[in-house]
Amino acid sequence: MRLVVAECQAHYSGRLAAHLPKARRLIVVKADGSVLLHSDGGSYKPLNWMSPPCSVVVKEPDDLQSQRGVTQVWRVQHAKADDRLDIELFDVFHDSSHELGVDPGLVKDGVEAHLQRMLAEQIDLLGPGHTLVRREYPTAIGPVDILAKAPNGSTVAVEIKRRGDIDGVEQLTRYLELLNRDPLLAPVRGVFAAQEIKPQARVLATDRGIHCVVLNYEEMKGFDDVDSRLF
């Protein structure tokens, strides 16, 4: 990765035209060929960029550009389209290259698979006396996240989401309709479990006799130890 901090201006042409007036910016050239121009704000989003595949050619400025103080001209051309990004550099304050290697990618914490595993290990969160039958219980329309037994012996089907919305309730409803056709399982009660349940989803679930359970991921991980609190 190459990092250049410079006084620069840029013009993008192709499917659209855009211009960045002269200002101090960070130019990032990545190993995949992408080129991005960042300001000191706007969070992660660049002001302008060129996605790969593209090529970068550094040229000397012409006479008119030199008179304006331009020291370098970068022409970034997309390989499969007419899109082009021309960057004029004036003063360069920093220019460095770094080998970052292969990135393993983002490992998300608190995804549905984690919630499913932890709820299976802490099945009492559904209520005292519940027991786990199995995770990923197969059906003809897809696996039910958790199948459990209530203290009275009835079957409980649990659908788990990070953020529970109406689509999740509809999904669980379809599972319940199918599972309740099985005389070995019926009657099957539904539980909609999520870290956050939207009000519309809660209303729909309640109307269909589905119980809602809000999962506290930190407590389930053991980070929120009630016994160690001062208050």
C-alpha atoms as a PDB file:
ATOM      1  CA  MET A   1       0.000   0.000   0.000  1.00  0.00           C
ATOM      2  CA  ARG A   2       1.238   3.475  -0.913  1.00  0.00           C
ATOM      3  CA  LEU A   3       0.273   6.493   1.184  1.00  0.00           C
ATOM      4  CA  VAL A   4       0.740   9.991  -0.193  1.00  0.00           C
ATOM      5  CA  VAL A   5      -0.192  13.194   1.626  1.00  0.00           C
ATOM      6  CA  ALA A   6      -0.201  16.065  -0.833  1.00  0.00           C
ATOM      7  CA  GLU A   7      -1.764  19.301  -1.897  1.00  0.00           C
ATOM      8  CA  CYS A   8      -3.752  18.110  -4.887  1.00  0.00           C
ATOM      9  CA  GLN A   9      -6.767  18.474  -7.092  1.00  0.00           C
ATOM     10  CA  ALA A  10      -8.555  15.798  -9.094  1.00  0.00           C
ATOM     11  CA  HIS A  11     -10.982  15.424 -11.958  1.00  0.00           C
ATOM     12  CA  TYR A  12     -13.076  12.307 -12.598  1.00  0.00           C
ATOM     13  CA  SER A  13     -14.525  11.654 -16.055  1.00  0.00           C
ATOM     14  CA  GLY A  14     -16.519   8.796 -17.549  1.00  0.00           C
ATOM     15  CA  ARG A  15     -20.009   7.792 -16.500  1.00  0.00           C
ATOM     16  CA  LEU A  16     -20.109  11.075 -14.605  1.00  0.00           C
ATOM     17  CA  ALA A  17     -17.923  14.138 -14.146  1.00  0.00           C
ATOM     18  CA  ALA A  18     -16.671  15.288 -10.750  1.00  0.00           C
ATOM     19  CA  HIS A  19     -14.032  17.733  -9.614  1.00  0.00           C
ATOM     20  CA  LEU A  20     -12.100  18.082  -6.372  1.00  0.00           C
ATOM     21  CA  PRO A  21     -10.601  21.560  -5.926  1.00  0.00           C
ATOM     22  CA  LYS A  22      -7.077  22.038  -4.636  1.00  0.00           C
ATOM     23  CA  ALA A  23      -6.666  20.939  -1.003  1.00  0.00           C
ATOM     24  CA  ARG A  24      -4.454  18.794   1.196  1.00  0.00           C
ATOM     25  CA  ARG A  25      -5.526  15.154   1.022  1.00  0.00           C
ATOM     26  CA  LEU A  26      -4.423  11.574   1.596  1.00  0.00           C
ATOM     27  CA  ILE A  27      -4.053   9.469  -1.550  1.00  0.00           C
ATOM     28  CA  VAL A  28      -4.140   5.705  -1.006  1.00  0.00           C
ATOM     29  CA  VAL A  29      -2.951   3.278  -3.679  1.00  0.00           C
ATOM     30  CA  LYS A  30      -3.777  -0.295  -2.721  1.00  0.00           C
ATOM     31  CA  ALA A  31      -2.165  -3.520  -3.874  1.00  0.00           C
ATOM     32  CA  ASP A  32      -5.333  -4.438  -5.810  1.00  0.00           C
ATOM     33  CA  GLY A  33      -4.818  -1.314  -7.939  1.00  0.00           C
ATOM     34  CA  SER A  34      -7.549   0.838  -6.426  1.00  0.00           C
ATOM     35  CA  VAL A  35      -6.846   4.530  -5.833  1.00  0.00           C
ATOM     36  CA  LEU A  36      -8.695   6.545  -3.180  1.00  0.00           C
ATOM     37  CA  LEU A  37      -8.593  10.205  -2.170  1.00  0.00           C
ATOM     38  CA  HIS A  38      -9.435  10.975   1.463  1.00  0.00           C
ATOM     39  CA  SER A  39      -9.955  14.178   3.409  1.00  0.00           C
ATOM     40  CA  ASP A  40      -9.507  14.501   7.159  1.00  0.00           C
ATOM     41  CA  GLY A  41     -13.195  13.862   7.738  1.00  0.00           C
ATOM     42  CA  GLY A  42     -16.132  11.936   6.388  1.00  0.00           C
ATOM     43  CA  SER A  43     -15.339   8.759   8.315  1.00  0.00           C
ATOM     44  CA  TYR A  44     -14.215   5.874   6.086  1.00  0.00           C
ATOM     45  CA  LYS A  45     -15.657   7.119   2.797  1.00  0.00           C
ATOM     46  CA  PRO A  46     -13.225   8.581   0.236  1.00  0.00           C
ATOM     47  CA  LEU A  47     -14.004  11.806  -1.619  1.00  0.00           C
ATOM     48  CA  ASN A  48     -13.304  10.089  -4.923  1.00  0.00           C
ATOM     49  CA  TRP A  49     -11.811   6.803  -6.004  1.00  0.00           C
ATOM     50  CA  MET A  50     -11.156   4.383  -8.837  1.00  0.00           C
ATOM     51  CA  SER A  51     -11.951   0.732  -8.333  1.00  0.00           C
ATOM     52  CA  PRO A  52      -9.819  -2.053  -9.838  1.00  0.00           C
ATOM     53  CA  PRO A  53      -8.900  -3.146 -12.405  1.00  0.00           C
ATOM     54  CA  CYS A  54      -7.129   0.081 -13.288  1.00  0.00           C
ATOM     55  CA  SER A  55      -3.668   1.377 -14.071  1.00  0.00           C
ATOM     56  CA  VAL A  56      -1.752   4.359 -12.707  1.00  0.00           C
ATOM     57  CA  VAL A  57       0.620   6.334 -14.911  1.00  0.00           C
ATOM     58  CA  VAL A  58       2.687   9.159 -13.377  1.00  0.00           C
ATOM     59  CA  LYS A  59       3.573  11.913 -15.828  1.00  0.00           C
ATOM     60  CA  GLU A  60       5.521  15.140 -15.790  1.00  0.00           C
ATOM     61  CA  PRO A  61       3.307  18.238 -15.838  1.00  0.00           C
ATOM     62  CA  ASP A  62       3.029  20.232 -19.041  1.00  0.00           C
ATOM     63  CA  ASP A  63       4.036  23.899 -19.201  1.00  0.00           C
ATOM     64  CA  LEU A  64       0.658  25.255 -18.141  1.00  0.00           C
ATOM     65  CA  GLN A  65       0.463  22.817 -15.227  1.00  0.00           C
ATOM     66  CA  SER A  66       4.010  23.692 -14.144  1.00  0.00           C
ATOM     67  CA  GLN A  67       3.066  27.378 -14.131  1.00  0.00           C
ATOM     68  CA  ARG A  68       0.249  26.523 -11.713  1.00  0.00           C
ATOM     69  CA  GLY A  69       2.697  24.735  -9.418  1.00  0.00           C
ATOM     70  CA  VAL A  70       1.848  21.158 -10.385  1.00  0.00           C
ATOM     71  CA  THR A  71       4.778  18.785  -9.737  1.00  0.00           C
ATOM     72  CA  GLN A  72       3.220  15.427 -10.726  1.00  0.00           C
ATOM     73  CA  VAL A  73       0.224  14.260 -12.738  1.00  0.00           C
ATOM     74  CA  TRP A  74      -1.341  10.879 -11.990  1.00  0.00           C
ATOM     75  CA  ARG A  75      -3.597   9.385 -14.639  1.00  0.00           C
ATOM     76  CA  VAL A  76      -5.695   6.529 -13.262  1.00  0.00           C
ATOM     77  CA  GLN A  77      -7.466   4.677 -16.066  1.00  0.00           C
ATOM     78  CA  HIS A  78     -10.027   1.922 -15.564  1.00  0.00           C
ATOM     79  CA  ALA A  79      -9.183  -1.188 -17.587  1.00  0.00           C
ATOM     80  CA  LYS A  80     -12.739  -2.098 -18.597  1.00  0.00           C
ATOM     81  CA  ALA A  81     -14.410   1.290 -18.965  1.00  0.00           C
ATOM     82  CA  ASP A  82     -13.754   4.857 -20.063  1.00  0.00           C
ATOM     83  CA  ASP A  83     -13.659   6.076 -16.462  1.00  0.00           C
ATOM     84  CA  ARG A  84     -10.546   8.117 -15.688  1.00  0.00           C
ATOM     85  CA  LEU A  85      -9.248   9.924 -12.633  1.00  0.00           C
ATOM     86  CA  ASP A  86      -6.655  12.658 -13.198  1.00  0.00           C
ATOM     87  CA  ILE A  87      -4.847  13.824 -10.059  1.00  0.00           C
ATOM     88  CA  GLU A  88      -2.598  16.883 -10.063  1.00  0.00           C
ATOM     89  CA  LEU A  89      -0.121  16.976  -7.177  1.00  0.00           C
ATOM     90  CA  PHE A  90       1.391  20.234  -5.964  1.00  0.00           C
ATOM     91  CA  ASP A  91       3.353  19.959  -2.696  1.00  0.00           C
ATOM     92  CA  VAL A  92       3.982  16.400  -1.460  1.00  0.00           C
ATOM     93  CA  PHE A  93       4.329  16.144   2.333  1.00  0.00           C
ATOM     94  CA  HIS A  94       4.543  12.379   2.743  1.00  0.00           C
ATOM     95  CA  ASP A  95       5.114   9.423   0.420  1.00  0.00           C
ATOM     96  CA  SER A  96       5.593   5.907   1.782  1.00  0.00           C
ATOM     97  CA  SER A  97       4.907   2.313   0.772  1.00  0.00           C
ATOM     98  CA  HIS A  98       4.072  -0.555   3.118  1.00  0.00           C
ATOM     99  CA  GLU A  99       3.689  -4.305   2.590  1.00  0.00           C
ATOM    100  CA  LEU A 100       0.610  -5.360   4.570  1.00  0.00           C
ATOM    101  CA  GLY A 101       0.450  -8.998   3.498  1.00  0.00           C
ATOM    102  CA  VAL A 102      -2.696 -11.099   3.206  1.00  0.00           C
ATOM    103  CA  ASP A 103      -5.503  -9.913   5.468  1.00  0.00           C
ATOM    104  CA  PRO A 104      -7.514 -12.651   7.245  1.00  0.00           C
ATOM    105  CA  GLY A 105     -10.682 -10.572   6.994  1.00  0.00           C
ATOM    106  CA  LEU A 106     -13.142  -9.313   9.570  1.00  0.00           C
ATOM    107  CA  VAL A 107     -14.233 -11.816  12.194  1.00  0.00           C
ATOM    108  CA  LYS A 108     -17.628 -10.712  13.454  1.00  0.00           C
ATOM    109  CA  ASP A 109     -18.597 -11.208  17.069  1.00  0.00           C
ATOM    110  CA  GLY A 110     -22.199 -11.732  18.014  1.00  0.00           C
ATOM    111  CA  VAL A 111     -23.365 -13.167  14.688  1.00  0.00           C
ATOM    112  CA  GLU A 112     -26.355 -15.494  14.608  1.00  0.00           C
ATOM    113  CA  ALA A 113     -24.175 -18.621  14.703  1.00  0.00           C
ATOM    114  CA  HIS A 114     -22.598 -17.435  17.979  1.00  0.00           C
ATOM    115  CA  LEU A 115     -25.995 -16.608  19.461  1.00  0.00           C
ATOM    116  CA  GLN A 116     -27.336 -20.002  18.436  1.00  0.00           C
ATOM    117  CA  ARG A 117     -24.445 -21.873  20.029  1.00  0.00           C
ATOM    118  CA  MET A 118     -24.618 -19.914  23.271  1.00  0.00           C
ATOM    119  CA  LEU A 119     -28.392 -20.173  23.563  1.00  0.00           C
ATOM    120  CA  ALA A 120     -28.121 -23.934  23.054  1.00  0.00           C
ATOM    121  CA  GLU A 121     -25.613 -24.023  25.933  1.00  0.00           C
ATOM    122  CA  GLN A 122     -27.837 -21.750  28.061  1.00  0.00           C
ATOM    123  CA  ILE A 123     -31.220 -23.128  27.076  1.00  0.00           C
ATOM    124  CA  ASP A 124     -32.663 -22.069  30.450  1.00  0.00           C
ATOM    125  CA  LEU A 125     -32.825 -18.552  29.018  1.00  0.00           C
ATOM    126  CA  LEU A 126     -36.058 -19.779  27.425  1.00  0.00           C
ATOM    127  CA  GLY A 127     -37.309 -20.520  30.918  1.00  0.00           C
ATOM    128  CA  PRO A 128     -36.430 -22.944  33.740  1.00  0.00           C
ATOM    129  CA  GLY A 129     -36.783 -26.585  32.838  1.00  0.00           C
ATOM    130  CA  HIS A 130     -36.282 -26.291  29.082  1.00  0.00           C
ATOM    131  CA  THR A 131     -34.035 -28.912  27.473  1.00  0.00           C
ATOM    132  CA  LEU A 132     -32.231 -28.883  24.140  1.00  0.00           C
ATOM    133  CA  VAL A 133     -33.310 -31.365  21.461  1.00  0.00           C
ATOM    134  CA  ARG A 134     -30.854 -30.203  18.788  1.00  0.00           C
ATOM    135  CA  ARG A 135     -29.510 -27.239  16.868  1.00  0.00           C
ATOM    136  CA  GLU A 136     -30.246 -26.795  13.157  1.00  0.00           C
ATOM    137  CA  TYR A 137     -33.263 -29.107  13.229  1.00  0.00           C
ATOM    138  CA  PRO A 138     -33.876 -30.010   9.556  1.00  0.00           C
ATOM    139  CA  THR A 139     -37.153 -29.340   7.790  1.00  0.00           C
ATOM    140  CA  ALA A 140     -38.199 -29.389   4.147  1.00  0.00           C
ATOM    141  CA  ILE A 141     -37.921 -25.579   3.969  1.00  0.00           C
ATOM    142  CA  GLY A 142     -34.694 -25.154   5.911  1.00  0.00           C
ATOM    143  CA  PRO A 143     -33.261 -25.804   9.371  1.00  0.00           C
ATOM    144  CA  VAL A 144     -34.860 -24.475  12.546  1.00  0.00           C
ATOM    145  CA  ASP A 145     -32.167 -22.781  14.633  1.00  0.00           C
ATOM    146  CA  ILE A 146     -33.018 -24.619  17.867  1.00  0.00           C
ATOM    147  CA  LEU A 147     -35.557 -27.271  18.758  1.00  0.00           C
ATOM    148  CA  ALA A 148     -36.200 -27.676  22.483  1.00  0.00           C
ATOM    149  CA  LYS A 149     -38.604 -29.225  24.952  1.00  0.00           C
ATOM    150  CA  ALA A 150     -40.557 -27.212  27.500  1.00  0.00           C
ATOM    151  CA  PRO A 151     -40.999 -28.522  31.079  1.00  0.00           C
ATOM    152  CA  ASN A 152     -44.471 -29.821  30.182  1.00  0.00           C
ATOM    153  CA  GLY A 153     -43.004 -31.883  27.324  1.00  0.00           C
ATOM    154  CA  SER A 154     -44.245 -29.673  24.482  1.00  0.00           C
ATOM    155  CA  THR A 155     -41.941 -28.797  21.588  1.00  0.00           C
ATOM    156  CA  VAL A 156     -40.414 -25.354  21.188  1.00  0.00           C
ATOM    157  CA  ALA A 157     -38.997 -24.040  17.892  1.00  0.00           C
ATOM    158  CA  VAL A 158     -36.608 -21.099  18.242  1.00  0.00           C
ATOM    159  CA  GLU A 159     -35.658 -18.685  15.470  1.00  0.00           C
ATOM    160  CA  ILE A 160     -32.573 -16.554  16.279  1.00  0.00           C
ATOM    161  CA  LYS A 161     -31.669 -13.211  14.747  1.00  0.00           C
ATOM    162  CA  ARG A 162     -29.271 -10.418  15.630  1.00  0.00           C
ATOM    163  CA  ARG A 163     -31.968  -7.864  14.845  1.00  0.00           C
ATOM    164  CA  GLY A 164     -35.463  -9.260  14.816  1.00  0.00           C
ATOM    165  CA  ASP A 165     -37.813  -7.855  12.207  1.00  0.00           C
ATOM    166  CA  ILE A 166     -41.058  -8.928  10.558  1.00  0.00           C
ATOM    167  CA  ASP A 167     -39.282 -11.197   8.055  1.00  0.00           C
ATOM    168  CA  GLY A 168     -37.873 -13.261  10.928  1.00  0.00           C
ATOM    169  CA  VAL A 169     -41.345 -13.710  12.425  1.00  0.00           C
ATOM    170  CA  GLU A 170     -42.685 -14.755   9.032  1.00  0.00           C
ATOM    171  CA  GLN A 171     -39.851 -17.277   8.701  1.00  0.00           C
ATOM    172  CA  LEU A 172     -40.615 -18.787  12.101  1.00  0.00           C
ATOM    173  CA  THR A 173     -44.342 -18.896  11.241  1.00  0.00           C
ATOM    174  CA  ARG A 174     -43.589 -21.030   8.189  1.00  0.00           C
ATOM    175  CA  TYR A 175     -41.495 -23.423  10.310  1.00  0.00           C
ATOM    176  CA  LEU A 176     -44.266 -23.712  12.885  1.00  0.00           C
ATOM    177  CA  GLU A 177     -46.883 -24.506  10.235  1.00  0.00           C
ATOM    178  CA  LEU A 178     -44.694 -27.323   8.942  1.00  0.00           C
ATOM    179  CA  LEU A 179     -43.586 -28.705  12.320  1.00  0.00           C
ATOM    180  CA  ASN A 180     -47.125 -28.804  13.662  1.00  0.00           C
ATOM    181  CA  ARG A 181     -48.053 -31.272  10.904  1.00  0.00           C
ATOM    182  CA  ASP A 182     -45.732 -33.816  12.547  1.00  0.00           C
ATOM    183  CA  PRO A 183     -47.745 -35.743  15.184  1.00  0.00           C
ATOM    184  CA  LEU A 184     -44.502 -36.619  17.003  1.00  0.00           C
ATOM    185  CA  LEU A 185     -43.727 -32.944  17.560  1.00  0.00           C
ATOM    186  CA  ALA A 186     -47.113 -31.202  17.754  1.00  0.00           C
ATOM    187  CA  PRO A 187     -48.047 -28.989  19.400  1.00  0.00           C
ATOM    188  CA  VAL A 188     -45.031 -26.802  18.603  1.00  0.00           C
ATOM    189  CA  ARG A 189     -44.690 -23.379  20.216  1.00  0.00           C
ATOM    190  CA  GLY A 190     -42.560 -20.647  18.671  1.00  0.00           C
ATOM    191  CA  VAL A 191     -39.911 -18.450  20.304  1.00  0.00           C
ATOM    192  CA  PHE A 192     -38.422 -15.487  18.454  1.00  0.00           C
ATOM    193  CA  ALA A 193     -35.048 -14.644  20.003  1.00  0.00           C
ATOM    194  CA  ALA A 194     -32.869 -11.682  19.050  1.00  0.00           C
ATOM    195  CA  GLN A 195     -30.550  -9.065  20.486  1.00  0.00           C
ATOM    196  CA  GLU A 196     -33.018  -6.422  19.371  1.00  0.00           C
ATOM    197  CA  ILE A 197     -36.640  -6.943  18.355  1.00  0.00           C
ATOM    198  CA  LYS A 198     -38.383  -4.244  16.369  1.00  0.00           C
ATOM    199  CA  PRO A 199     -41.783  -3.121  17.693  1.00  0.00           C
ATOM    200  CA  GLN A 200     -43.633  -4.225  14.542  1.00  0.00           C
ATOM    201  CA  ALA A 201     -42.053  -7.678  14.771  1.00  0.00           C
ATOM    202  CA  ARG A 202     -43.024  -7.981  18.437  1.00  0.00           C
ATOM    203  CA  VAL A 203     -46.644  -7.037  17.658  1.00  0.00           C
ATOM    204  CA  LEU A 204     -46.829  -9.583  14.830  1.00  0.00           C
ATOM    205  CA  ALA A 205     -45.211 -12.312  16.942  1.00  0.00           C
ATOM    206  CA  THR A 206     -47.595 -11.696  19.849  1.00  0.00           C
ATOM    207  CA  ASP A 207     -50.582 -11.792  17.485  1.00  0.00           C
ATOM    208  CA  ARG A 208     -49.457 -15.213  16.266  1.00  0.00           C
ATOM    209  CA  GLY A 209     -48.804 -16.614  19.727  1.00  0.00           C
ATOM    210  CA  ILE A 210     -45.023 -16.475  19.357  1.00  0.00           C
ATOM    211  CA  HIS A 211     -43.025 -15.620  22.473  1.00  0.00           C
ATOM    212  CA  CYS A 212     -40.251 -13.023  22.141  1.00  0.00           C
ATOM    213  CA  VAL A 213     -36.951 -13.281  24.006  1.00  0.00           C
ATOM    214  CA  VAL A 214     -34.338 -10.513  23.960  1.00  0.00           C
ATOM    215  CA  LEU A 215     -30.789 -11.916  24.132  1.00  0.00           C
ATOM    216  CA  ASN A 216     -28.078  -9.987  25.972  1.00  0.00           C
ATOM    217  CA  TYR A 217     -24.933 -11.067  24.172  1.00  0.00           C
ATOM    218  CA  GLU A 218     -22.519  -9.710  26.806  1.00  0.00           C
ATOM    219  CA  GLU A 219     -24.322 -11.525  29.610  1.00  0.00           C
ATOM    220  CA  MET A 220     -24.382 -14.716  27.565  1.00  0.00           C
ATOM    221  CA  LYS A 221     -20.620 -14.436  27.052  1.00  0.00           C
ATOM    222  CA  GLY A 222     -20.178 -14.021  30.801  1.00  0.00           C
ATOM    223  CA  PHE A 223     -18.884 -10.440  30.586  1.00  0.00           C
ATOM    224  CA  ASP A 224     -21.760  -9.019  32.607  1.00  0.00           C
ATOM    225  CA  ASP A 225     -21.288 -10.751  35.958  1.00  0.00           C
ATOM    226  CA  VAL A 226     -24.117  -9.603  38.196  1.00  0.00           C
ATOM    227  CA  ASP A 227     -22.412 -10.937  41.337  1.00  0.00           C
ATOM    228  CA  SER A 228     -19.368  -8.722  40.762  1.00  0.00           C
ATOM    229  CA  ARG A 229     -21.313  -5.474  40.405  1.00  0.00           C
ATOM    230  CA  LEU A 230     -21.123  -2.759  43.033  1.00  0.00           C
ATOM    231  CA  PHE A 231     -24.541  -1.477  41.961  1.00  0.00           C
END
